[in-house]
C-alpha atoms as a PDB file:
ATOM      1  CA  MET A   1      -6.336  40.532   9.792  1.00  0.00           C
ATOM      2  CA  ARG A   2      -9.465  38.410  10.154  1.00  0.00           C
ATOM      3  CA  ASN A   3     -10.668  39.138   6.629  1.00  0.00           C
ATOM      4  CA  ALA A   4     -11.052  41.938   4.138  1.00  0.00           C
ATOM      5  CA  ARG A   5     -13.952  43.489   6.057  1.00  0.00           C
ATOM      6  CA  TYR A   6     -11.550  44.991   8.592  1.00  0.00           C
ATOM      7  CA  VAL A   7     -11.119  48.018   6.340  1.00  0.00           C
ATOM      8  CA  LEU A   8     -14.808  48.791   6.437  1.00  0.00           C
ATOM      9  CA  LYS A   9     -14.026  50.961   9.444  1.00  0.00           C
ATOM     10  CA  LEU A  10     -12.709  54.157   7.931  1.00  0.00           C
ATOM     11  CA  PHE A  11     -11.408  56.087  10.898  1.00  0.00           C
ATOM     12  CA  GLY A  12     -10.496  59.754  10.988  1.00  0.00           C
ATOM     13  CA  VAL A  13     -11.840  63.118  11.924  1.00  0.00           C
ATOM     14  CA  MET A  14     -15.214  62.345  10.359  1.00  0.00           C
ATOM     15  CA  GLY A  15     -15.827  59.601  12.930  1.00  0.00           C
ATOM     16  CA  LEU A  16     -17.254  57.219  10.343  1.00  0.00           C
ATOM     17  CA  VAL A  17     -17.834  53.539  11.034  1.00  0.00           C
ATOM     18  CA  LEU A  18     -18.813  51.895   7.782  1.00  0.00           C
ATOM     19  CA  GLN A  19     -18.810  48.218   8.769  1.00  0.00           C
ATOM     20  CA  MET A  20     -22.011  46.361   7.997  1.00  0.00           C
ATOM     21  CA  PRO A  21     -23.002  42.722   8.497  1.00  0.00           C
ATOM     22  CA  PRO A  22     -22.601  40.328   5.563  1.00  0.00           C
ATOM     23  CA  SER A  23     -26.357  40.289   5.022  1.00  0.00           C
ATOM     24  CA  ALA A  24     -26.164  43.927   3.988  1.00  0.00           C
ATOM     25  CA  HIS A  25     -24.163  43.145   0.862  1.00  0.00           C
ATOM     26  CA  PRO A  26     -25.916  44.260  -2.314  1.00  0.00           C
ATOM     27  CA  GLN A  27     -27.741  41.499  -4.169  1.00  0.00           C
ATOM     28  CA  PRO A  28     -27.007  41.059  -7.870  1.00  0.00           C
ATOM     29  CA  ALA A  29     -30.056  40.938 -10.089  1.00  0.00           C
ATOM     30  CA  PRO A  30     -30.853  37.419 -11.342  1.00  0.00           C
ATOM     31  CA  HIS A  31     -29.243  36.819 -14.725  1.00  0.00           C
ATOM     32  CA  GLY A  32     -28.074  40.417 -14.833  1.00  0.00           C
ATOM     33  CA  GLU A  33     -31.525  41.911 -15.303  1.00  0.00           C
ATOM     34  CA  HIS A  34     -30.230  45.311 -14.240  1.00  0.00           C
ATOM     35  CA  GLY A  35     -26.829  46.647 -15.266  1.00  0.00           C
ATOM     36  CA  MET A  36     -24.422  46.831 -12.336  1.00  0.00           C
ATOM     37  CA  ARG A  37     -20.705  46.782 -11.539  1.00  0.00           C
ATOM     38  CA  THR A  38     -19.549  46.144  -7.981  1.00  0.00           C
ATOM     39  CA  LEU A  39     -15.980  45.868  -6.709  1.00  0.00           C
ATOM     40  CA  PHE A  40     -15.115  43.093  -4.247  1.00  0.00           C
ATOM     41  CA  VAL A  41     -11.785  42.263  -2.631  1.00  0.00           C
ATOM     42  CA  ALA A  42     -10.214  39.091  -1.240  1.00  0.00           C
ATOM     43  CA  ALA A  43      -7.409  39.390   1.335  1.00  0.00           C
ATOM     44  CA  LEU A  44      -5.571  36.073   1.077  1.00  0.00           C
ATOM     45  CA  GLU A  45      -3.659  34.850   4.145  1.00  0.00           C
ATOM     46  CA  GLY A  46      -2.732  31.540   5.719  1.00  0.00           C
ATOM     47  CA  GLN A  47      -4.810  32.135   8.828  1.00  0.00           C
ATOM     48  CA  HIS A  48      -8.001  31.986   6.765  1.00  0.00           C
ATOM     49  CA  VAL A  49      -7.259  28.480   5.461  1.00  0.00           C
ATOM     50  CA  VAL A  50      -9.121  25.578   7.090  1.00  0.00           C
ATOM     51  CA  PRO A  51      -7.142  24.467   9.064  1.00  0.00           C
ATOM     52  CA  ALA A  52      -5.029  27.616   9.440  1.00  0.00           C
ATOM     53  CA  VAL A  53      -1.529  27.701   7.925  1.00  0.00           C
ATOM     54  CA  ALA A  54       1.497  29.548   9.318  1.00  0.00           C
ATOM     55  CA  THR A  55       3.013  31.358   6.331  1.00  0.00           C
ATOM     56  CA  ASP A  56       4.436  34.691   5.188  1.00  0.00           C
ATOM     57  CA  ALA A  57       2.545  34.325   1.911  1.00  0.00           C
ATOM     58  CA  SER A  58      -0.326  36.704   1.161  1.00  0.00           C
ATOM     59  CA  GLY A  59      -2.367  38.006  -1.723  1.00  0.00           C
ATOM     60  CA  THR A  60      -4.943  40.513  -2.927  1.00  0.00           C
ATOM     61  CA  GLY A  61      -7.718  39.774  -5.386  1.00  0.00           C
ATOM     62  CA  ALA A  62      -9.848  42.542  -6.931  1.00  0.00           C
ATOM     63  CA  PHE A  63     -13.112  41.106  -8.296  1.00  0.00           C
ATOM     64  CA  THR A  64     -15.626  43.087 -10.364  1.00  0.00           C
ATOM     65  CA  LEU A  65     -19.144  41.667 -10.590  1.00  0.00           C
ATOM     66  CA  ASN A  66     -20.817  42.718 -13.842  1.00  0.00           C
ATOM     67  CA  GLY A  67     -24.496  42.187 -14.566  1.00  0.00           C
ATOM     68  CA  GLU A  68     -25.743  43.751 -17.778  1.00  0.00           C
ATOM     69  CA  GLY A  69     -27.849  42.835 -20.777  1.00  0.00           C
ATOM     70  CA  GLY A  70     -28.967  39.547 -19.306  1.00  0.00           C
ATOM     71  CA  ARG A  71     -25.365  38.342 -18.869  1.00  0.00           C
ATOM     72  CA  MET A  72     -23.171  37.965 -15.780  1.00  0.00           C
ATOM     73  CA  ALA A  73     -19.424  37.904 -15.258  1.00  0.00           C
ATOM     74  CA  ILE A  74     -16.847  38.350 -12.517  1.00  0.00           C
ATOM     75  CA  ALA A  75     -13.587  39.833 -13.783  1.00  0.00           C
ATOM     76  CA  TYR A  76     -10.572  39.512 -11.515  1.00  0.00           C
ATOM     77  CA  ASP A  77      -7.012  40.679 -10.950  1.00  0.00           C
ATOM     78  CA  LEU A  78      -5.097  38.679  -8.334  1.00  0.00           C
ATOM     79  CA  THR A  79      -1.549  39.062  -7.026  1.00  0.00           C
ATOM     80  CA  TYR A  80       0.104  36.620  -4.619  1.00  0.00           C
ATOM     81  CA  GLN A  81       3.583  36.650  -3.080  1.00  0.00           C
ATOM     82  CA  ALA A  82       5.981  34.633  -0.902  1.00  0.00           C
ATOM     83  CA  LEU A  83       4.514  31.182  -1.564  1.00  0.00           C
ATOM     84  CA  PRO A  84       6.885  28.444  -0.363  1.00  0.00           C
ATOM     85  CA  LYS A  85       6.507  26.804  -3.807  1.00  0.00           C
ATOM     86  CA  PRO A  86       4.744  27.749  -7.029  1.00  0.00           C
ATOM     87  CA  PRO A  87       0.988  27.020  -6.766  1.00  0.00           C
ATOM     88  CA  ARG A  88      -0.545  23.845  -8.145  1.00  0.00           C
ATOM     89  CA  ARG A  89      -3.811  25.655  -8.699  1.00  0.00           C
ATOM     90  CA  ILE A  90      -5.763  28.765  -7.704  1.00  0.00           C
ATOM     91  CA  VAL A  91      -9.511  28.332  -7.353  1.00  0.00           C
ATOM     92  CA  LEU A  92     -12.734  29.913  -6.154  1.00  0.00           C
ATOM     93  CA  ARG A  93     -14.762  27.808  -3.725  1.00  0.00           C
ATOM     94  CA  ASN A  94     -18.303  28.264  -2.426  1.00  0.00           C
ATOM     95  CA  PHE A  95     -18.524  28.367   1.384  1.00  0.00           C
ATOM     96  CA  GLY A  96     -18.388  30.854   4.234  1.00  0.00           C
ATOM     97  CA  GLU A  97     -15.549  31.457   6.668  1.00  0.00           C
ATOM     98  CA  GLY A  98     -14.439  28.454   8.686  1.00  0.00           C
ATOM     99  CA  GLY A  99     -15.638  25.802   6.233  1.00  0.00           C
ATOM    100  CA  VAL A 100     -14.473  24.106   3.051  1.00  0.00           C
ATOM    101  CA  GLY A 101     -16.567  24.359  -0.103  1.00  0.00           C
ATOM    102  CA  LYS A 102     -16.567  22.843  -3.551  1.00  0.00           C
ATOM    103  CA  VAL A 103     -14.675  24.417  -6.442  1.00  0.00           C
ATOM    104  CA  VAL A 104     -16.875  26.725  -8.535  1.00  0.00           C
ATOM    105  CA  HIS A 105     -14.178  28.289 -10.732  1.00  0.00           C
ATOM    106  CA  VAL A 106     -10.557  27.474 -11.608  1.00  0.00           C
ATOM    107  CA  ILE A 107      -8.326  30.532 -12.077  1.00  0.00           C
ATOM    108  CA  CYS A 108      -5.307  28.401 -13.001  1.00  0.00           C
ATOM    109  CA  GLY A 109      -3.948  24.907 -12.546  1.00  0.00           C
ATOM    110  CA  GLU A 110      -5.930  22.621 -14.844  1.00  0.00           C
ATOM    111  CA  ALA A 111      -6.455  23.655 -18.450  1.00  0.00           C
ATOM    112  CA  SER A 112      -4.291  26.722 -17.776  1.00  0.00           C
ATOM    113  CA  PRO A 113      -1.137  26.020 -15.690  1.00  0.00           C
ATOM    114  CA  CYS A 114      -0.317  28.422 -12.863  1.00  0.00           C
ATOM    115  CA  PRO A 115       2.798  30.638 -13.040  1.00  0.00           C
ATOM    116  CA  GLN A 116       5.838  28.744 -11.800  1.00  0.00           C
ATOM    117  CA  GLN A 117       6.828  31.531  -9.448  1.00  0.00           C
ATOM    118  CA  ALA A 118       6.465  32.225  -5.737  1.00  0.00           C
ATOM    119  CA  GLY A 119       4.793  35.519  -6.610  1.00  0.00           C
ATOM    120  CA  ALA A 120       2.835  36.625  -9.686  1.00  0.00           C
ATOM    121  CA  THR A 121      -0.258  38.433 -10.963  1.00  0.00           C
ATOM    122  CA  LEU A 122      -3.129  36.793 -12.832  1.00  0.00           C
ATOM    123  CA  LYS A 123      -6.044  38.321 -14.695  1.00  0.00           C
ATOM    124  CA  GLY A 124      -9.176  36.617 -15.977  1.00  0.00           C
ATOM    125  CA  GLU A 125     -12.953  36.363 -16.010  1.00  0.00           C
ATOM    126  CA  TRP A 126     -15.614  33.943 -14.753  1.00  0.00           C
ATOM    127  CA  THR A 127     -18.770  34.143 -16.857  1.00  0.00           C
ATOM    128  CA  ASP A 128     -22.166  32.552 -17.293  1.00  0.00           C
ATOM    129  CA  ARG A 129     -20.869  31.168 -20.607  1.00  0.00           C
ATOM    130  CA  ASP A 130     -18.148  28.995 -19.062  1.00  0.00           C
ATOM    131  CA  VAL A 131     -18.809  25.423 -20.153  1.00  0.00           C
ATOM    132  CA  ALA A 132     -17.539  23.419 -17.180  1.00  0.00           C
ATOM    133  CA  LEU A 133     -18.297  25.736 -14.244  1.00  0.00           C
ATOM    134  CA  PRO A 134     -20.519  28.658 -15.319  1.00  0.00           C
ATOM    135  CA  LEU A 135     -21.332  31.636 -13.131  1.00  0.00           C
ATOM    136  CA  THR A 136     -24.987  31.188 -12.206  1.00  0.00           C
ATOM    137  CA  ALA A 137     -27.332  33.680 -10.578  1.00  0.00           C
ATOM    138  CA  ALA A 138     -27.195  31.592  -7.389  1.00  0.00           C
ATOM    139  CA  LEU A 139     -23.383  31.686  -7.303  1.00  0.00           C
ATOM    140  CA  ALA A 140     -23.383  35.427  -8.015  1.00  0.00           C
ATOM    141  CA  ARG A 141     -25.599  35.901  -4.971  1.00  0.00           C
ATOM    142  CA  GLU A 142     -23.297  33.685  -2.898  1.00  0.00           C
ATOM    143  CA  ALA A 143     -20.350  35.861  -3.933  1.00  0.00           C
ATOM    144  CA  ALA A 144     -22.300  39.017  -3.097  1.00  0.00           C
ATOM    145  CA  VAL A 145     -22.849  37.904   0.508  1.00  0.00           C
ATOM    146  CA  GLY A 146     -19.265  36.815   1.121  1.00  0.00           C
ATOM    147  CA  ARG A 147     -19.741  33.058   0.682  1.00  0.00           C
ATOM    148  CA  VAL A 148     -17.245  32.555  -2.160  1.00  0.00           C
ATOM    149  CA  TYR A 149     -13.537  32.488  -1.399  1.00  0.00           C
ATOM    150  CA  ALA A 150     -10.292  32.473  -3.347  1.00  0.00           C
ATOM    151  CA  GLN A 151      -7.697  29.884  -2.377  1.00  0.00           C
ATOM    152  CA  ILE A 152      -4.179  29.078  -3.548  1.00  0.00           C
ATOM    153  CA  GLU A 153      -3.390  25.369  -3.233  1.00  0.00           C
ATOM    154  CA  ASP A 154      -0.151  23.374  -3.142  1.00  0.00           C
ATOM    155  CA  GLU A 155       0.887  20.122  -4.829  1.00  0.00           C
ATOM    156  CA  ALA A 156      -1.005  18.092  -2.238  1.00  0.00           C
ATOM    157  CA  GLY A 157      -4.205  20.057  -2.891  1.00  0.00           C
ATOM    158  CA  GLN A 158      -3.997  21.817   0.479  1.00  0.00           C
ATOM    159  CA  GLY A 159      -4.739  25.498   0.903  1.00  0.00           C
ATOM    160  CA  VAL A 160      -1.759  27.825   1.393  1.00  0.00           C
ATOM    161  CA  VAL A 161      -3.602  31.150   1.581  1.00  0.00           C
ATOM    162  CA  ARG A 162      -7.298  31.958   1.401  1.00  0.00           C
ATOM    163  CA  GLY A 163      -9.567  35.000   1.430  1.00  0.00           C
ATOM    164  CA  GLN A 164     -13.336  35.458   1.324  1.00  0.00           C
ATOM    165  CA  ILE A 165     -14.513  37.718  -1.503  1.00  0.00           C
ATOM    166  CA  THR A 166     -16.184  40.679   0.207  1.00  0.00           C
ATOM    167  CA  THR A 167     -17.230  44.216  -0.591  1.00  0.00           C
ATOM    168  CA  TYR A 168     -17.598  47.402   1.457  1.00  0.00           C
ATOM    169  CA  ASP A 169     -21.087  48.289   2.609  1.00  0.00           C
ATOM    170  CA  THR A 170     -22.281  51.538   4.062  1.00  0.00           C
ATOM    171  CA  MET A 171     -25.233  53.867   3.986  1.00  0.00           C
ATOM    172  CA  LEU A 172     -22.855  56.320   2.316  1.00  0.00           C
ATOM    173  CA  PRO A 173     -21.994  56.346  -1.392  1.00  0.00           C
ATOM    174  CA  VAL A 174     -18.835  54.307  -2.083  1.00  0.00           C
ATOM    175  CA  GLN A 175     -16.705  54.299  -5.236  1.00  0.00           C
ATOM    176  CA  GLY A 176     -14.401  51.348  -5.922  1.00  0.00           C
ATOM    177  CA  PHE A 177     -11.086  51.563  -7.790  1.00  0.00           C
ATOM    178  CA  ILE A 178      -8.592  48.992  -9.060  1.00  0.00           C
ATOM    179  CA  ALA A 179      -4.877  49.749  -9.368  1.00  0.00           C
ATOM    180  CA  ARG A 180      -3.022  47.406 -11.755  1.00  0.00           C
ATOM    181  CA  LEU A 181       0.597  47.962 -10.834  1.00  0.00           C
ATOM    182  CA  ARG A 182       3.694  47.702 -13.019  1.00  0.00           C
ATOM    183  CA  PRO A 183       7.325  48.837 -12.679  1.00  0.00           C
ATOM    184  CA  ARG A 184       7.913  52.580 -12.838  1.00  0.00           C
ATOM    185  CA  SER A 185      10.882  51.799 -15.039  1.00  0.00           C
ATOM    186  CA  GLY A 186       8.450  50.611 -17.712  1.00  0.00           C
ATOM    187  CA  ALA A 187       9.877  47.060 -17.780  1.00  0.00           C
ATOM    188  CA  ALA A 188       7.545  44.744 -19.686  1.00  0.00           C
ATOM    189  CA  SER A 189       9.152  41.308 -19.282  1.00  0.00           C
ATOM    190  CA  ALA A 190       6.978  38.312 -18.374  1.00  0.00           C
ATOM    191  CA  ASP A 191       8.564  38.060 -14.928  1.00  0.00           C
ATOM    192  CA  ALA A 192       8.525  41.796 -14.179  1.00  0.00           C
ATOM    193  CA  ALA A 193       7.332  43.002 -10.787  1.00  0.00           C
ATOM    194  CA  SER A 194       3.570  43.501 -10.565  1.00  0.00           C
ATOM    195  CA  GLY A 195       0.755  44.140  -8.139  1.00  0.00           C
ATOM    196  CA  THR A 196      -2.974  44.512  -7.520  1.00  0.00           C
ATOM    197  CA  GLY A 197      -4.706  47.091  -5.349  1.00  0.00           C
ATOM    198  CA  ALA A 198      -8.345  47.603  -4.358  1.00  0.00           C
ATOM    199  CA  PHE A 199      -9.353  51.078  -3.146  1.00  0.00           C
ATOM    200  CA  PHE A 200     -12.750  52.141  -1.747  1.00  0.00           C
ATOM    201  CA  LEU A 201     -13.676  55.825  -1.446  1.00  0.00           C
ATOM    202  CA  ALA A 202     -16.562  56.736   0.900  1.00  0.00           C
ATOM    203  CA  GLN A 203     -18.459  60.018   0.572  1.00  0.00           C
ATOM    204  CA  ALA A 204     -19.221  61.427   4.017  1.00  0.00           C
ATOM    205  CA  PRO A 205     -22.009  63.852   4.988  1.00  0.00           C
ATOM    206  CA  GLY A 206     -20.983  67.414   4.294  1.00  0.00           C
ATOM    207  CA  GLY A 207     -18.771  66.448   1.364  1.00  0.00           C
ATOM    208  CA  GLY A 208     -15.865  64.844   3.237  1.00  0.00           C
ATOM    209  CA  GLN A 209     -14.251  61.600   2.164  1.00  0.00           C
ATOM    210  CA  ALA A 210     -12.293  58.631   3.488  1.00  0.00           C
ATOM    211  CA  MET A 211     -10.623  55.727   1.685  1.00  0.00           C
ATOM    212  CA  ALA A 212      -9.733  52.105   2.506  1.00  0.00           C
ATOM    213  CA  TYR A 213      -7.234  50.034   0.550  1.00  0.00           C
ATOM    214  CA  GLN A 214      -5.555  46.622   0.218  1.00  0.00           C
ATOM    215  CA  VAL A 215      -2.497  46.102  -2.038  1.00  0.00           C
ATOM    216  CA  THR A 216      -0.228  43.114  -2.761  1.00  0.00           C
ATOM    217  CA  ILE A 217       2.949  43.381  -4.840  1.00  0.00           C
ATOM    218  CA  ALA A 218       5.236  40.619  -6.113  1.00  0.00           C
ATOM    219  CA  GLY A 219       8.718  40.427  -7.615  1.00  0.00           C
ATOM    220  CA  THR A 220       9.929  43.812  -6.382  1.00  0.00           C
ATOM    221  CA  GLU A 221      13.394  44.681  -5.112  1.00  0.00           C
ATOM    222  CA  GLY A 222      11.972  45.554  -1.702  1.00  0.00           C
ATOM    223  CA  ALA A 223       8.947  44.996   0.501  1.00  0.00           C
ATOM    224  CA  PRO A 224       6.144  47.627   0.344  1.00  0.00           C
ATOM    225  CA  THR A 225       6.120  50.480   2.839  1.00  0.00           C
ATOM    226  CA  LYS A 226       3.353  52.837   1.687  1.00  0.00           C
ATOM    227  CA  ALA A 227       1.081  53.906  -1.164  1.00  0.00           C
ATOM    228  CA  LEU A 228       1.297  57.364  -2.735  1.00  0.00           C
ATOM    229  CA  ILE A 229      -1.559  58.839  -4.759  1.00  0.00           C
ATOM    230  CA  VAL A 230      -0.253  61.219  -7.393  1.00  0.00           C
ATOM    231  CA  ALA A 231      -1.545  63.064 -10.452  1.00  0.00           C
ATOM    232  CA  SER A 232      -0.957  60.831 -13.486  1.00  0.00           C
ATOM    233  CA  ALA A 233       0.146  63.812 -15.574  1.00  0.00           C
ATOM    234  CA  ALA A 234       2.841  64.642 -13.030  1.00  0.00           C
ATOM    235  CA  ALA A 235       4.089  61.057 -13.193  1.00  0.00           C
ATOM    236  CA  GLY A 236       5.278  61.570 -16.769  1.00  0.00           C
ATOM    237  CA  PRO A 237       4.382  60.090 -20.185  1.00  0.00           C
ATOM    238  CA  GLY A 238       2.434  56.890 -19.764  1.00  0.00           C
ATOM    239  CA  ALA A 239       2.488  57.392 -15.996  1.00  0.00           C
ATOM    240  CA  ALA A 240       5.878  55.642 -15.950  1.00  0.00           C
ATOM    241  CA  PRO A 241       8.632  58.142 -15.065  1.00  0.00           C
ATOM    242  CA  ARG A 242      12.218  57.186 -14.400  1.00  0.00           C
ATOM    243  CA  ALA A 243      12.466  54.804 -11.467  1.00  0.00           C
ATOM    244  CA  GLY A 244      13.641  56.577  -8.348  1.00  0.00           C
ATOM    245  CA  ALA A 245      12.413  60.021  -9.436  1.00  0.00           C
ATOM    246  CA  PRO A 246      10.591  61.662  -6.506  1.00  0.00           C
ATOM    247  CA  LEU A 247       7.022  62.863  -6.887  1.00  0.00           C
ATOM    248  CA  GLN A 248       4.901  65.128  -4.737  1.00  0.00           C
ATOM    249  CA  PRO A 249       1.990  62.966  -3.575  1.00  0.00           C
ATOM    250  CA  LEU A 250      -1.557  64.285  -3.286  1.00  0.00           C
ATOM    251  CA  VAL A 251      -2.181  61.635  -0.619  1.00  0.00           C
ATOM    252  CA  GLU A 252       0.340  59.531   1.301  1.00  0.00           C
ATOM    253  CA  ALA A 253      -1.233  56.293   2.536  1.00  0.00           C
ATOM    254  CA  LEU A 254       0.706  54.650   5.343  1.00  0.00           C
ATOM    255  CA  PRO A 255      -0.346  51.135   6.386  1.00  0.00           C
ATOM    256  CA  GLN A 256      -2.592  51.592   9.430  1.00  0.00           C
ATOM    257  CA  ARG A 257      -3.861  49.323  12.194  1.00  0.00           C
ATOM    258  CA  LEU A 258      -1.837  46.448  10.746  1.00  0.00           C
ATOM    259  CA  PRO A 259       1.872  45.901  10.105  1.00  0.00           C
ATOM    260  CA  PRO A 260       2.760  45.250   6.460  1.00  0.00           C
ATOM    261  CA  ARG A 261       2.535  41.575   5.483  1.00  0.00           C
ATOM    262  CA  MET A 262       5.679  40.859   3.513  1.00  0.00           C
ATOM    263  CA  ALA A 263       8.016  38.117   2.381  1.00  0.00           C
ATOM    264  CA  ALA A 264      10.785  36.978   4.711  1.00  0.00           C
ATOM    265  CA  GLU A 265      14.315  38.228   4.088  1.00  0.00           C
ATOM    266  CA  PRO A 266      15.952  36.245   1.249  1.00  0.00           C
ATOM    267  CA  ALA A 267      19.119  34.289   1.928  1.00  0.00           C
ATOM    268  CA  PRO A 268      22.263  36.410   1.379  1.00  0.00           C
ATOM    269  CA  GLY A 269      23.550  36.270  -2.174  1.00  0.00           C
ATOM    270  CA  THR A 270      20.486  34.580  -3.640  1.00  0.00           C
ATOM    271  CA  GLY A 271      19.202  37.663  -5.416  1.00  0.00           C
ATOM    272  CA  GLU A 272      15.657  36.585  -4.545  1.00  0.00           C
ATOM    273  CA  ARG A 273      13.059  39.254  -5.132  1.00  0.00           C
ATOM    274  CA  LYS A 274      10.478  40.287  -2.572  1.00  0.00           C
ATOM    275  CA  GLY A 275       6.885  41.309  -2.316  1.00  0.00           C
ATOM    276  CA  GLY A 276       4.330  42.038   0.342  1.00  0.00           C
ATOM    277  CA  THR A 277       0.862  43.212   1.283  1.00  0.00           C
ATOM    278  CA  ILE A 278      -0.124  46.517   2.839  1.00  0.00           C
ATOM    279  CA  ALA A 279      -3.575  47.674   3.879  1.00  0.00           C
ATOM    280  CA  GLY A 280      -5.071  50.578   5.738  1.00  0.00           C
ATOM    281  CA  GLU A 281      -7.301  53.601   5.748  1.00  0.00           C
ATOM    282  CA  ILE A 282      -6.783  57.093   4.451  1.00  0.00           C
ATOM    283  CA  ALA A 283      -8.486  59.960   6.234  1.00  0.00           C
ATOM    284  CA  PRO A 284      -8.361  63.575   5.035  1.00  0.00           C
ATOM    285  CA  PRO A 285      -6.244  65.997   7.064  1.00  0.00           C
ATOM    286  CA  ARG A 286      -9.274  67.863   8.412  1.00  0.00           C
ATOM    287  CA  ALA A 287     -13.009  67.415   8.800  1.00  0.00           C
ATOM    288  CA  GLY A 288     -14.885  67.684   5.539  1.00  0.00           C
ATOM    289  CA  ALA A 289     -11.718  67.581   3.417  1.00  0.00           C
ATOM    290  CA  VAL A 290     -11.755  65.836   0.052  1.00  0.00           C
ATOM    291  CA  ILE A 291      -9.299  63.133  -1.012  1.00  0.00           C
ATOM    292  CA  LEU A 292     -10.437  62.944  -4.620  1.00  0.00           C
ATOM    293  CA  ASP A 293     -12.831  65.324  -6.311  1.00  0.00           C
ATOM    294  CA  ARG A 294     -15.691  64.036  -8.426  1.00  0.00           C
ATOM    295  CA  HIS A 295     -13.999  64.803 -11.744  1.00  0.00           C
ATOM    296  CA  THR A 296     -10.893  62.961 -10.698  1.00  0.00           C
ATOM    297  CA  ARG A 297     -12.911  59.975  -9.534  1.00  0.00           C
ATOM    298  CA  THR A 298     -14.525  59.573 -12.941  1.00  0.00           C
ATOM    299  CA  ALA A 299     -11.572  60.546 -15.121  1.00  0.00           C
ATOM    300  CA  ASN A 300     -10.972  56.989 -16.372  1.00  0.00           C
ATOM    301  CA  ALA A 301     -14.650  56.269 -16.929  1.00  0.00           C
ATOM    302  CA  PRO A 302     -16.485  56.647 -20.254  1.00  0.00           C
ATOM    303  CA  GLY A 303     -17.946  60.099 -20.695  1.00  0.00           C
ATOM    304  CA  ALA A 304     -15.577  61.763 -18.223  1.00  0.00           C
ATOM    305  CA  PRO A 305     -15.602  65.581 -18.287  1.00  0.00           C
ATOM    306  CA  ALA A 306     -13.020  67.152 -20.568  1.00  0.00           C
ATOM    307  CA  GLY A 307      -9.865  67.939 -18.653  1.00  0.00           C
ATOM    308  CA  ALA A 308     -10.700  65.599 -15.780  1.00  0.00           C
ATOM    309  CA  GLU A 309      -7.536  64.745 -13.916  1.00  0.00           C
ATOM    310  CA  LYS A 310      -6.480  61.111 -13.609  1.00  0.00           C
ATOM    311  CA  LEU A 311      -4.695  59.780 -10.566  1.00  0.00           C
ATOM    312  CA  SER A 312      -2.137  57.012 -10.163  1.00  0.00           C
ATOM    313  CA  VAL A 313      -0.955  54.943  -7.216  1.00  0.00           C
ATOM    314  CA  ILE A 314       2.755  54.555  -6.578  1.00  0.00           C
ATOM    315  CA  ILE A 315       3.938  51.835  -4.195  1.00  0.00           C
ATOM    316  CA  ALA A 316       7.059  52.777  -2.265  1.00  0.00           C
ATOM    317  CA  THR A 317       9.281  49.943  -1.051  1.00  0.00           C
ATOM    318  CA  GLU A 318      12.271  49.467   1.225  1.00  0.00           C
ATOM    319  CA  ALA A 319      14.483  49.406  -1.865  1.00  0.00           C
ATOM    320  CA  ASP A 320      12.958  52.517  -3.484  1.00  0.00           C
ATOM    321  CA  PRO A 321      11.156  54.981  -1.175  1.00  0.00           C
ATOM    322  CA  ASN A 322      10.116  56.981  -4.254  1.00  0.00           C
ATOM    323  CA  GLY A 323       8.239  53.998  -5.627  1.00  0.00           C
ATOM    324  CA  GLU A 324       8.934  50.782  -7.540  1.00  0.00           C
ATOM    325  CA  LEU A 325       5.459  50.206  -8.983  1.00  0.00           C
ATOM    326  CA  ILE A 326       2.806  52.465 -10.460  1.00  0.00           C
ATOM    327  CA  GLY A 327      -0.746  52.056 -11.737  1.00  0.00           C
ATOM    328  CA  GLU A 328      -3.667  54.325 -12.532  1.00  0.00           C
ATOM    329  CA  LEU A 329      -6.697  54.317 -10.236  1.00  0.00           C
ATOM    330  CA  THR A 330      -9.368  52.856 -12.485  1.00  0.00           C
ATOM    331  CA  PRO A 331     -12.918  53.349 -11.187  1.00  0.00           C
ATOM    332  CA  VAL A 332     -15.408  50.491 -11.219  1.00  0.00           C
ATOM    333  CA  GLU A 333     -18.614  52.019 -12.537  1.00  0.00           C
END
């Protein structure tokens, strides 16, 4: 995987090719003059580090750029897995692919220590009000054209995995979703399994649809095998039914074009938990078919139509083919 833009090509019976050059990325309005929310994704891998690193570690970051009321912020959810050691710090740096840039935001590792685990999920926000390293209009534009990257660094300050923050550009309307994943068992401990997924739904001419996705999970009993999109109501109260209970998926998303990126097998008897990254494209079963209808796509948004159906993502793993983790598809609007 060269970078997150590989999923811009949504294959299938519609014959869509949605990849656009970086210069086509939407430009945020200076100082948030016009309200906007745009979903970006970072696919973190060792091969993107400068110089490249051979590692089984990987990660997914979902970044939402918000510009409204004269203010700017980038909210983020980031999951990493299979690091050889807990990270010293996780940062955002300003530079394009193949180069090393200065730190523009610290996710963890200085004032806020990073989790002392080989895999974890972090959530936070970078705003124009940050005292030390504020989000400026210039940096927001750099992020919008793919020139800001997320990097996890070790004790020596060297990069372990890295991913440019990119979005999905097309002449077609695209809706972004974030899936914040938690155990289906409902476990709420601090070290419970977790995950982050970014999903992009493209509206094709004639009403058809296609979807691209990138998901990383950490701390699960098994490595990920596929993503299942199900009706949240069918998943049970709180969208957290009994672990192992089968569900009838509306869409079954197998990793495509790439093998799953997952942690190596743990040593026998260690009880070490796993994780992994899967990515791919979802095409409808026939030309013009719909993956998600409009009501479903806006069900989590303010002002959604009464009775709009919500959808959840379930991540199946080698240990539980019916799904270890679950999270609602939350639209970025």
